[in-house]
């Protein structure tokens, strides 16, 4: 692991320390911060991927609709 320096306001640090001290999951302030950052990064990655997928769907919605209509017609002929 690498050590980094982060500047944080007192109120937030107090809340982090309080949570870390009362937690069975986190053995230290650093463990809590690592878990929080890991969760944040995972959510951001997921949101970015979802945004990318939405853009792709939006760009291709007409051809996707045509493909869907063809598949439905193939599966349930009128």
PDB file of N, CA and C in Angstrom:
ATOM      1  N   UNK A   1       0.840  -1.183   0.000  1.00  0.00           N
ATOM      2  CA  UNK A   1       0.000   0.000   0.000  1.00  0.00           C
ATOM      3  C   UNK A   1       0.878   1.236   0.000  1.00  0.00           C
ATOM      4  N   UNK A   2       0.311   2.305  -0.497  1.00  0.00           N
ATOM      5  CA  UNK A   2       1.006   3.588  -0.500  1.00  0.00           C
ATOM      6  C   UNK A   2       0.323   4.525   0.479  1.00  0.00           C
ATOM      7  N   UNK A   3       1.113   5.405   1.042  1.00  0.00           N
ATOM      8  CA  UNK A   3       0.592   6.432   1.934  1.00  0.00           C
ATOM      9  C   UNK A   3       0.392   7.704   1.135  1.00  0.00           C
ATOM     10  N   UNK A   4      -0.775   8.339   1.323  1.00  0.00           N
ATOM     11  CA  UNK A   4      -1.049   9.612   0.663  1.00  0.00           C
ATOM     12  C   UNK A   4      -1.460  10.629   1.718  1.00  0.00           C
ATOM     13  N   UNK A   5      -1.363  11.879   1.372  1.00  0.00           N
ATOM     14  CA  UNK A   5      -1.806  12.950   2.268  1.00  0.00           C
ATOM     15  C   UNK A   5      -3.102  13.532   1.717  1.00  0.00           C
ATOM     16  N   UNK A   6      -4.080  13.692   2.594  1.00  0.00           N
ATOM     17  CA  UNK A   6      -5.371  14.241   2.207  1.00  0.00           C
ATOM     18  C   UNK A   6      -5.743  15.306   3.225  1.00  0.00           C
ATOM     19  N   UNK A   7      -6.209  16.437   2.729  1.00  0.00           N
ATOM     20  CA  UNK A   7      -6.682  17.491   3.613  1.00  0.00           C
ATOM     21  C   UNK A   7      -8.189  17.344   3.758  1.00  0.00           C
ATOM     22  N   UNK A   8      -8.654  17.347   5.011  1.00  0.00           N
ATOM     23  CA  UNK A   8     -10.074  17.129   5.274  1.00  0.00           C
ATOM     24  C   UNK A   8     -10.501  18.056   6.418  1.00  0.00           C
ATOM     25  N   UNK A   9     -11.724  18.536   6.350  1.00  0.00           N
ATOM     26  CA  UNK A   9     -12.182  19.451   7.393  1.00  0.00           C
ATOM     27  C   UNK A   9     -12.407  18.694   8.709  1.00  0.00           C
ATOM     28  N   UNK A  10     -12.345  19.419   9.795  1.00  0.00           N
ATOM     29  CA  UNK A  10     -12.454  18.828  11.132  1.00  0.00           C
ATOM     30  C   UNK A  10     -13.764  18.079  11.349  1.00  0.00           C
ATOM     31  N   UNK A  11     -14.860  18.655  10.893  1.00  0.00           N
ATOM     32  CA  UNK A  11     -16.172  18.029  11.104  1.00  0.00           C
ATOM     33  C   UNK A  11     -16.241  16.666  10.432  1.00  0.00           C
ATOM     34  N   UNK A  12     -15.779  16.594   9.197  1.00  0.00           N
ATOM     35  CA  UNK A  12     -15.788  15.312   8.481  1.00  0.00           C
ATOM     36  C   UNK A  12     -14.844  14.328   9.153  1.00  0.00           C
ATOM     37  N   UNK A  13     -13.677  14.789   9.552  1.00  0.00           N
ATOM     38  CA  UNK A  13     -12.715  13.918  10.221  1.00  0.00           C
ATOM     39  C   UNK A  13     -13.288  13.386  11.535  1.00  0.00           C
ATOM     40  N   UNK A  14     -13.978  14.232  12.269  1.00  0.00           N
ATOM     41  CA  UNK A  14     -14.610  13.785  13.514  1.00  0.00           C
ATOM     42  C   UNK A  14     -15.628  12.685  13.239  1.00  0.00           C
ATOM     43  N   UNK A  15     -16.418  12.844  12.171  1.00  0.00           N
ATOM     44  CA  UNK A  15     -17.422  11.829  11.824  1.00  0.00           C
ATOM     45  C   UNK A  15     -16.743  10.523  11.395  1.00  0.00           C
ATOM     46  N   UNK A  16     -15.654  10.635  10.653  1.00  0.00           N
ATOM     47  CA  UNK A  16     -14.908   9.443  10.230  1.00  0.00           C
ATOM     48  C   UNK A  16     -14.348   8.734  11.454  1.00  0.00           C
ATOM     49  N   UNK A  17     -13.740   9.486  12.354  1.00  0.00           N
ATOM     50  CA  UNK A  17     -13.172   8.885  13.565  1.00  0.00           C
ATOM     51  C   UNK A  17     -14.251   8.230  14.419  1.00  0.00           C
ATOM     52  N   UNK A  18     -15.394   8.886  14.540  1.00  0.00           N
ATOM     53  CA  UNK A  18     -16.503   8.342  15.322  1.00  0.00           C
ATOM     54  C   UNK A  18     -16.991   7.027  14.724  1.00  0.00           C
ATOM     55  N   UNK A  19     -17.146   7.012  13.420  1.00  0.00           N
ATOM     56  CA  UNK A  19     -17.604   5.799  12.746  1.00  0.00           C
ATOM     57  C   UNK A  19     -16.572   4.684  12.862  1.00  0.00           C
ATOM     58  N   UNK A  20     -15.315   5.014  12.649  1.00  0.00           N
ATOM     59  CA  UNK A  20     -14.257   4.005  12.730  1.00  0.00           C
ATOM     60  C   UNK A  20     -14.161   3.432  14.141  1.00  0.00           C
ATOM     61  N   UNK A  21     -14.299   4.275  15.148  1.00  0.00           N
ATOM     62  CA  UNK A  21     -14.181   3.821  16.540  1.00  0.00           C
ATOM     63  C   UNK A  21     -15.339   2.918  16.954  1.00  0.00           C
ATOM     64  N   UNK A  22     -16.507   3.134  16.369  1.00  0.00           N
ATOM     65  CA  UNK A  22     -17.681   2.362  16.776  1.00  0.00           C
ATOM     66  C   UNK A  22     -17.977   1.194  15.834  1.00  0.00           C
ATOM     67  N   UNK A  23     -17.078   0.939  14.898  1.00  0.00           N
ATOM     68  CA  UNK A  23     -17.335  -0.072  13.873  1.00  0.00           C
ATOM     69  C   UNK A  23     -16.584  -1.370  14.137  1.00  0.00           C
ATOM     70  N   UNK A  24     -17.247  -2.475  13.849  1.00  0.00           N
ATOM     71  CA  UNK A  24     -16.586  -3.776  13.881  1.00  0.00           C
ATOM     72  C   UNK A  24     -15.957  -4.099  12.530  1.00  0.00           C
ATOM     73  N   UNK A  25     -16.408  -3.392  11.481  1.00  0.00           N
ATOM     74  CA  UNK A  25     -15.910  -3.668  10.123  1.00  0.00           C
ATOM     75  C   UNK A  25     -14.579  -3.007   9.828  1.00  0.00           C
ATOM     76  N   UNK A  26     -14.328  -1.868  10.428  1.00  0.00           N
ATOM     77  CA  UNK A  26     -13.122  -1.101  10.102  1.00  0.00           C
ATOM     78  C   UNK A  26     -12.192  -1.078  11.305  1.00  0.00           C
ATOM     79  N   UNK A  27     -10.965  -1.491  11.072  1.00  0.00           N
ATOM     80  CA  UNK A  27      -9.996  -1.562  12.163  1.00  0.00           C
ATOM     81  C   UNK A  27      -9.304  -0.237  12.405  1.00  0.00           C
ATOM     82  N   UNK A  28      -9.468   0.689  11.478  1.00  0.00           N
ATOM     83  CA  UNK A  28      -8.795   1.986  11.614  1.00  0.00           C
ATOM     84  C   UNK A  28      -9.475   3.023  10.741  1.00  0.00           C
ATOM     85  N   UNK A  29      -9.091   4.264  10.939  1.00  0.00           N
ATOM     86  CA  UNK A  29      -9.552   5.366  10.084  1.00  0.00           C
ATOM     87  C   UNK A  29      -9.161   5.073   8.637  1.00  0.00           C
ATOM     88  N   UNK A  30      -7.943   4.615   8.430  1.00  0.00           N
ATOM     89  CA  UNK A  30      -7.470   4.330   7.070  1.00  0.00           C
ATOM     90  C   UNK A  30      -8.312   3.251   6.400  1.00  0.00           C
ATOM     91  N   UNK A  31      -8.679   2.213   7.151  1.00  0.00           N
ATOM     92  CA  UNK A  31      -9.494   1.141   6.585  1.00  0.00           C
ATOM     93  C   UNK A  31     -10.856   1.670   6.163  1.00  0.00           C
ATOM     94  N   UNK A  32     -11.433   2.536   6.974  1.00  0.00           N
ATOM     95  CA  UNK A  32     -12.730   3.125   6.638  1.00  0.00           C
ATOM     96  C   UNK A  32     -12.622   3.998   5.383  1.00  0.00           C
ATOM     97  N   UNK A  33     -11.596   4.829   5.313  1.00  0.00           N
ATOM     98  CA  UNK A  33     -11.412   5.707   4.158  1.00  0.00           C
ATOM     99  C   UNK A  33     -11.163   4.883   2.901  1.00  0.00           C
ATOM    100  N   UNK A  34     -10.352   3.822   3.007  1.00  0.00           N
ATOM    101  CA  UNK A  34     -10.125   2.942   1.845  1.00  0.00           C
ATOM    102  C   UNK A  34     -11.428   2.334   1.363  1.00  0.00           C
ATOM    103  N   UNK A  35     -12.253   1.841   2.288  1.00  0.00           N
ATOM    104  CA  UNK A  35     -13.531   1.235   1.913  1.00  0.00           C
ATOM    105  C   UNK A  35     -14.451   2.265   1.264  1.00  0.00           C
ATOM    106  N   UNK A  36     -14.473   3.474   1.826  1.00  0.00           N
ATOM    107  CA  UNK A  36     -15.325   4.533   1.263  1.00  0.00           C
ATOM    108  C   UNK A  36     -14.863   4.895  -0.147  1.00  0.00           C
ATOM    109  N   UNK A  37     -13.575   5.042  -0.349  1.00  0.00           N
ATOM    110  CA  UNK A  37     -13.053   5.377  -1.676  1.00  0.00           C
ATOM    111  C   UNK A  37     -13.296   4.249  -2.667  1.00  0.00           C
ATOM    112  N   UNK A  38     -13.129   3.026  -2.211  1.00  0.00           N
ATOM    113  CA  UNK A  38     -13.367   1.881  -3.085  1.00  0.00           C
ATOM    114  C   UNK A  38     -14.822   1.855  -3.537  1.00  0.00           C
ATOM    115  N   UNK A  39     -15.746   2.087  -2.609  1.00  0.00           N
ATOM    116  CA  UNK A  39     -17.162   2.138  -2.953  1.00  0.00           C
ATOM    117  C   UNK A  39     -17.477   3.268  -3.916  1.00  0.00           C
ATOM    118  N   UNK A  40     -16.878   4.424  -3.670  1.00  0.00           N
ATOM    119  CA  UNK A  40     -17.103   5.584  -4.541  1.00  0.00           C
ATOM    120  C   UNK A  40     -16.596   5.296  -5.953  1.00  0.00           C
ATOM    121  N   UNK A  41     -15.403   4.766  -6.060  1.00  0.00           N
ATOM    122  CA  UNK A  41     -14.825   4.470  -7.378  1.00  0.00           C
ATOM    123  C   UNK A  41     -15.675   3.437  -8.115  1.00  0.00           C
ATOM    124  N   UNK A  42     -16.137   2.412  -7.413  1.00  0.00           N
ATOM    125  CA  UNK A  42     -16.984   1.394  -8.047  1.00  0.00           C
ATOM    126  C   UNK A  42     -18.280   2.010  -8.561  1.00  0.00           C
ATOM    127  N   UNK A  43     -18.913   2.875  -7.754  1.00  0.00           N
ATOM    128  CA  UNK A  43     -20.164   3.535  -8.200  1.00  0.00           C
ATOM    129  C   UNK A  43     -19.909   4.434  -9.396  1.00  0.00           C
ATOM    130  N   UNK A  44     -18.829   5.204  -9.362  1.00  0.00           N
ATOM    131  CA  UNK A  44     -18.513   6.098 -10.482  1.00  0.00           C
ATOM    132  C   UNK A  44     -18.265   5.313 -11.765  1.00  0.00           C
ATOM    133  N   UNK A  45     -17.540   4.208 -11.659  1.00  0.00           N
ATOM    134  CA  UNK A  45     -17.303   3.372 -12.844  1.00  0.00           C
ATOM    135  C   UNK A  45     -18.610   2.850 -13.406  1.00  0.00           C
ATOM    136  N   UNK A  46     -19.496   2.366 -12.509  1.00  0.00           N
ATOM    137  CA  UNK A  46     -20.788   1.841 -12.950  1.00  0.00           C
ATOM    138  C   UNK A  46     -21.621   2.934 -13.609  1.00  0.00           C
ATOM    139  N   UNK A  47     -21.650   4.124 -13.017  1.00  0.00           N
ATOM    140  CA  UNK A  47     -22.410   5.236 -13.590  1.00  0.00           C
ATOM    141  C   UNK A  47     -21.863   5.645 -14.957  1.00  0.00           C
ATOM    142  N   UNK A  48     -20.549   5.666 -15.081  1.00  0.00           N
ATOM    143  CA  UNK A  48     -19.948   6.013 -16.375  1.00  0.00           C
ATOM    144  C   UNK A  48     -20.290   4.974 -17.436  1.00  0.00           C
ATOM    145  N   UNK A  49     -20.262   3.701 -17.044  1.00  0.00           N
ATOM    146  CA  UNK A  49     -20.606   2.636 -17.989  1.00  0.00           C
ATOM    147  C   UNK A  49     -22.077   2.734 -18.389  1.00  0.00           C
ATOM    148  N   UNK A  50     -22.942   3.014 -17.414  1.00  0.00           N
ATOM    149  CA  UNK A  50     -24.361   3.169 -17.723  1.00  0.00           C
ATOM    150  C   UNK A  50     -24.589   4.362 -18.650  1.00  0.00           C
ATOM    151  N   UNK A  51     -23.885   5.463 -18.424  1.00  0.00           N
ATOM    152  CA  UNK A  51     -23.997   6.630 -19.308  1.00  0.00           C
ATOM    153  C   UNK A  51     -23.536   6.287 -20.721  1.00  0.00           C
ATOM    154  N   UNK A  52     -22.435   5.550 -20.822  1.00  0.00           N
ATOM    155  CA  UNK A  52     -21.923   5.136 -22.133  1.00  0.00           C
ATOM    156  C   UNK A  52     -22.950   4.264 -22.844  1.00  0.00           C
ATOM    157  N   UNK A  53     -23.543   3.322 -22.121  1.00  0.00           N
ATOM    158  CA  UNK A  53     -24.551   2.448 -22.715  1.00  0.00           C
ATOM    159  C   UNK A  53     -25.788   3.231 -23.146  1.00  0.00           C
ATOM    160  N   UNK A  54     -26.205   4.218 -22.325  1.00  0.00           N
ATOM    161  CA  UNK A  54     -27.358   5.053 -22.700  1.00  0.00           C
ATOM    162  C   UNK A  54     -27.079   5.833 -23.983  1.00  0.00           C
ATOM    163  N   UNK A  55     -25.867   6.353 -24.110  1.00  0.00           N
ATOM    164  CA  UNK A  55     -25.512   7.089 -25.334  1.00  0.00           C
ATOM    165  C   UNK A  55     -25.549   6.163 -26.544  1.00  0.00           C
ATOM    166  N   UNK A  56     -25.016   4.967 -26.398  1.00  0.00           N
ATOM    167  CA  UNK A  56     -25.006   4.007 -27.508  1.00  0.00           C
ATOM    168  C   UNK A  56     -26.433   3.654 -27.899  1.00  0.00           C
ATOM    169  N   UNK A  57     -27.279   3.357 -26.913  1.00  0.00           N
ATOM    170  CA  UNK A  57     -28.677   3.020 -27.201  1.00  0.00           C
ATOM    171  C   UNK A  57     -29.379   4.183 -27.871  1.00  0.00           C
ATOM    172  N   UNK A  58     -29.133   5.385 -27.365  1.00  0.00           N
ATOM    173  CA  UNK A  58     -29.766   6.572 -27.943  1.00  0.00           C
ATOM    174  C   UNK A  58     -29.331   6.782 -29.395  1.00  0.00           C
ATOM    175  N   UNK A  59     -28.058   6.582 -29.662  1.00  0.00           N
ATOM    176  CA  UNK A  59     -27.530   6.761 -31.014  1.00  0.00           C
ATOM    177  C   UNK A  59     -28.100   5.736 -31.993  1.00  0.00           C
ATOM    178  N   UNK A  60     -28.454   4.558 -31.483  1.00  0.00           N
ATOM    179  CA  UNK A  60     -28.874   3.460 -32.355  1.00  0.00           C
ATOM    180  C   UNK A  60     -30.320   3.035 -32.123  1.00  0.00           C
ATOM    181  N   UNK A  61     -31.117   3.916 -31.498  1.00  0.00           N
ATOM    182  CA  UNK A  61     -32.470   3.498 -31.112  1.00  0.00           C
ATOM    183  C   UNK A  61     -33.343   3.113 -32.296  1.00  0.00           C
ATOM    184  N   UNK A  62     -33.187   3.780 -33.428  1.00  0.00           N
ATOM    185  CA  UNK A  62     -34.024   3.435 -34.587  1.00  0.00           C
ATOM    186  C   UNK A  62     -33.691   2.043 -35.112  1.00  0.00           C
ATOM    187  N   UNK A  63     -32.419   1.752 -35.273  1.00  0.00           N
ATOM    188  CA  UNK A  63     -32.054   0.428 -35.783  1.00  0.00           C
ATOM    189  C   UNK A  63     -32.372  -0.658 -34.752  1.00  0.00           C
ATOM    190  N   UNK A  64     -32.238  -0.344 -33.459  1.00  0.00           N
ATOM    191  CA  UNK A  64     -32.607  -1.306 -32.425  1.00  0.00           C
ATOM    192  C   UNK A  64     -34.111  -1.577 -32.447  1.00  0.00           C
ATOM    193  N   UNK A  65     -34.905  -0.530 -32.653  1.00  0.00           N
ATOM    194  CA  UNK A  65     -36.362  -0.697 -32.742  1.00  0.00           C
ATOM    195  C   UNK A  65     -36.727  -1.556 -33.947  1.00  0.00           C
ATOM    196  N   UNK A  66     -36.047  -1.335 -35.070  1.00  0.00           N
ATOM    197  CA  UNK A  66     -36.297  -2.149 -36.264  1.00  0.00           C
ATOM    198  C   UNK A  66     -35.957  -3.617 -35.999  1.00  0.00           C
ATOM    199  N   UNK A  67     -34.810  -3.849 -35.338  1.00  0.00           N
ATOM    200  CA  UNK A  67     -34.407  -5.224 -35.027  1.00  0.00           C
ATOM    201  C   UNK A  67     -35.403  -5.878 -34.081  1.00  0.00           C
ATOM    202  N   UNK A  68     -35.871  -5.126 -33.091  1.00  0.00           N
ATOM    203  CA  UNK A  68     -36.847  -5.655 -32.152  1.00  0.00           C
ATOM    204  C   UNK A  68     -38.147  -6.015 -32.869  1.00  0.00           C
ATOM    205  N   UNK A  69     -38.617  -5.140 -33.725  1.00  0.00           N
ATOM    206  CA  UNK A  69     -39.853  -5.414 -34.464  1.00  0.00           C
ATOM    207  C   UNK A  69     -39.696  -6.660 -35.324  1.00  0.00           C
ATOM    208  N   UNK A  70     -38.549  -6.832 -35.944  1.00  0.00           N
ATOM    209  CA  UNK A  70     -38.307  -8.012 -36.773  1.00  0.00           C
ATOM    210  C   UNK A  70     -38.276  -9.274 -35.918  1.00  0.00           C
ATOM    211  N   UNK A  71     -37.650  -9.200 -34.740  1.00  0.00           N
ATOM    212  CA  UNK A  71     -37.609 -10.364 -33.851  1.00  0.00           C
ATOM    213  C   UNK A  71     -38.999 -10.732 -33.347  1.00  0.00           C
ATOM    214  N   UNK A  72     -39.793  -9.723 -32.972  1.00  0.00           N
ATOM    215  CA  UNK A  72     -41.158  -9.981 -32.507  1.00  0.00           C
ATOM    216  C   UNK A  72     -41.981 -10.592 -33.618  1.00  0.00           C
ATOM    217  N   UNK A  73     -41.861 -10.056 -34.823  1.00  0.00           N
ATOM    218  CA  UNK A  73     -42.609 -10.594 -35.965  1.00  0.00           C
ATOM    219  C   UNK A  73     -42.195 -12.043 -36.250  1.00  0.00           C
ATOM    220  N   UNK A  74     -40.940 -12.331 -36.088  1.00  0.00           N
ATOM    221  CA  UNK A  74     -40.429 -13.674 -36.312  1.00  0.00           C
ATOM    222  C   UNK A  74     -40.947 -14.657 -35.256  1.00  0.00           C
ATOM    223  N   UNK A  75     -41.058 -14.205 -34.026  1.00  0.00           N
ATOM    224  CA  UNK A  75     -41.481 -15.063 -32.920  1.00  0.00           C
ATOM    225  C   UNK A  75     -42.998 -15.242 -32.853  1.00  0.00           C
ATOM    226  N   UNK A  76     -43.733 -14.198 -33.232  1.00  0.00           N
ATOM    227  CA  UNK A  76     -45.201 -14.250 -33.144  1.00  0.00           C
ATOM    228  C   UNK A  76     -45.814 -13.709 -34.409  1.00  0.00           C
ATOM    229  N   UNK A  77     -45.793 -14.499 -35.475  1.00  0.00           N
ATOM    230  CA  UNK A  77     -46.360 -14.011 -36.730  1.00  0.00           C
ATOM    231  C   UNK A  77     -47.860 -13.702 -36.577  1.00  0.00           C
ATOM    232  N   UNK A  78     -48.274 -12.668 -37.277  1.00  0.00           N
ATOM    233  CA  UNK A  78     -49.679 -12.227 -37.178  1.00  0.00           C
ATOM    234  C   UNK A  78     -50.610 -13.143 -37.922  1.00  0.00           C
TER     235      UNK A  78
END
